[in-house]
Amino acid sequence: MIKHAAGPVLPRTFRQHETSAMASLYHAALDDLRSVFDRLDDAAVDRCVETIMAARRIALYGVGREGLQMKGFCMRLFHLGRAVAMVGT
């Protein structure tokens, strides 16, 4: 093990293995996303966007992890100038 002023530094082989393991995880995540996007119906997405943009008011609801995603979506719609609110918070 190499010593460094800030503390021990891991051997080069471990760092290379760790980097390759992380790269593998990143590629797996991107493959998962690619498979989802490949199944999306572009026309349905367009209709959804048009419906959201035509709405005078938008109310969103979600709990748990989905609730966190809905809050993020709510914030983005608000930044786009939409009249939007989270229900129940």
Protein backbone atom coordinates (compact mmCIF):
# COMPACT_ATOMS: atom_id res chain seq x y z
CA MET A 1 0.00 0.00 0.00
CA ILE A 2 1.23 3.48 -0.85
CA LYS A 3 1.19 6.12 1.92
CA HIS A 4 0.10 9.63 1.11
CA ALA A 5 -0.09 12.81 3.19
CA ALA A 6 -3.89 12.64 3.09
CA GLY A 7 -3.91 9.00 4.19
CA PRO A 8 -3.42 5.59 2.59
CA VAL A 9 -3.84 5.32 -1.15
CA LEU A 10 -5.26 2.11 -2.57
CA PRO A 11 -3.05 0.04 -4.83
CA ARG A 12 -3.35 0.84 -8.52
CA THR A 13 -4.86 -2.56 -9.36
CA PHE A 14 -7.73 -2.04 -6.90
CA ARG A 15 -8.46 1.41 -8.33
CA GLN A 16 -8.48 -0.02 -11.85
CA HIS A 17 -10.85 -2.81 -10.77
CA GLU A 18 -13.11 -0.33 -8.99
CA THR A 19 -13.18 1.94 -12.06
CA SER A 20 -14.00 -0.98 -14.34
CA ALA A 21 -16.75 -2.16 -11.96
CA MET A 22 -18.30 1.32 -11.89
CA ALA A 23 -18.08 1.60 -15.68
CA SER A 24 -19.88 -1.74 -15.91
CA LEU A 25 -22.66 -0.44 -13.63
CA TYR A 26 -22.97 2.75 -15.69
CA HIS A 27 -23.26 0.76 -18.92
CA ALA A 28 -25.89 -1.54 -17.37
CA ALA A 29 -27.94 1.48 -16.23
CA LEU A 30 -27.71 3.05 -19.69
CA ASP A 31 -28.77 -0.24 -21.29
CA ASP A 32 -31.82 -0.34 -19.00
CA LEU A 33 -32.76 3.22 -19.96
CA ARG A 34 -32.22 2.47 -23.64
CA SER A 35 -34.63 -0.47 -23.44
CA VAL A 36 -37.29 1.77 -21.86
CA PHE A 37 -36.88 4.52 -24.46
CA ASP A 38 -36.99 1.96 -27.28
CA ARG A 39 -40.48 0.90 -26.12
CA LEU A 40 -41.91 4.43 -25.84
CA ASP A 41 -44.66 5.41 -28.26
CA ASP A 42 -43.56 8.82 -29.59
CA ALA A 43 -47.12 9.75 -30.60
CA ALA A 44 -48.39 8.99 -27.08
CA VAL A 45 -45.62 11.12 -25.56
CA ASP A 46 -46.54 13.99 -27.91
CA ARG A 47 -50.22 13.70 -26.89
CA CYS A 48 -49.22 13.74 -23.21
CA VAL A 49 -47.10 16.86 -23.67
CA GLU A 50 -49.90 18.59 -25.59
CA THR A 51 -52.39 17.71 -22.84
CA ILE A 52 -50.11 19.07 -20.12
CA MET A 53 -49.45 22.29 -22.06
CA ALA A 54 -53.17 22.81 -22.73
CA ALA A 55 -54.17 22.34 -19.07
CA ARG A 56 -55.05 25.50 -17.13
CA ARG A 57 -54.19 23.86 -13.81
CA ILE A 58 -52.25 20.73 -13.00
CA ALA A 59 -52.45 18.74 -9.75
CA LEU A 60 -49.93 15.97 -9.08
CA TYR A 61 -49.96 13.29 -6.40
CA GLY A 62 -47.51 10.64 -5.36
CA VAL A 63 -46.13 8.92 -2.28
CA GLY A 64 -42.74 7.43 -1.51
CA ARG A 65 -40.23 7.40 -4.33
CA GLU A 66 -42.93 8.18 -6.87
CA GLY A 67 -43.90 11.18 -4.76
CA LEU A 68 -40.34 12.48 -4.90
CA GLN A 69 -40.37 12.12 -8.68
CA MET A 70 -43.72 13.91 -8.89
CA LYS A 71 -42.38 16.76 -6.74
CA GLY A 72 -39.44 17.13 -9.12
CA PHE A 73 -41.79 17.08 -12.11
CA CYS A 74 -44.05 19.61 -10.37
CA MET A 75 -41.09 21.94 -9.85
CA ARG A 76 -40.05 21.66 -13.50
CA LEU A 77 -43.57 22.41 -14.71
CA PHE A 78 -43.67 25.41 -12.35
CA HIS A 79 -40.38 26.68 -13.82
CA LEU A 80 -41.98 26.37 -17.25
CA GLY A 81 -44.72 28.73 -16.09
CA ARG A 82 -47.48 26.15 -15.59
CA ALA A 83 -50.08 26.47 -12.80
CA VAL A 84 -49.16 23.30 -10.91
CA ALA A 85 -49.48 21.99 -7.35
CA MET A 86 -48.72 18.84 -5.39
CA VAL A 87 -51.79 17.36 -3.72
CA GLY A 88 -51.38 16.32 -0.10
CA THR A 89 -48.15 18.11 0.77
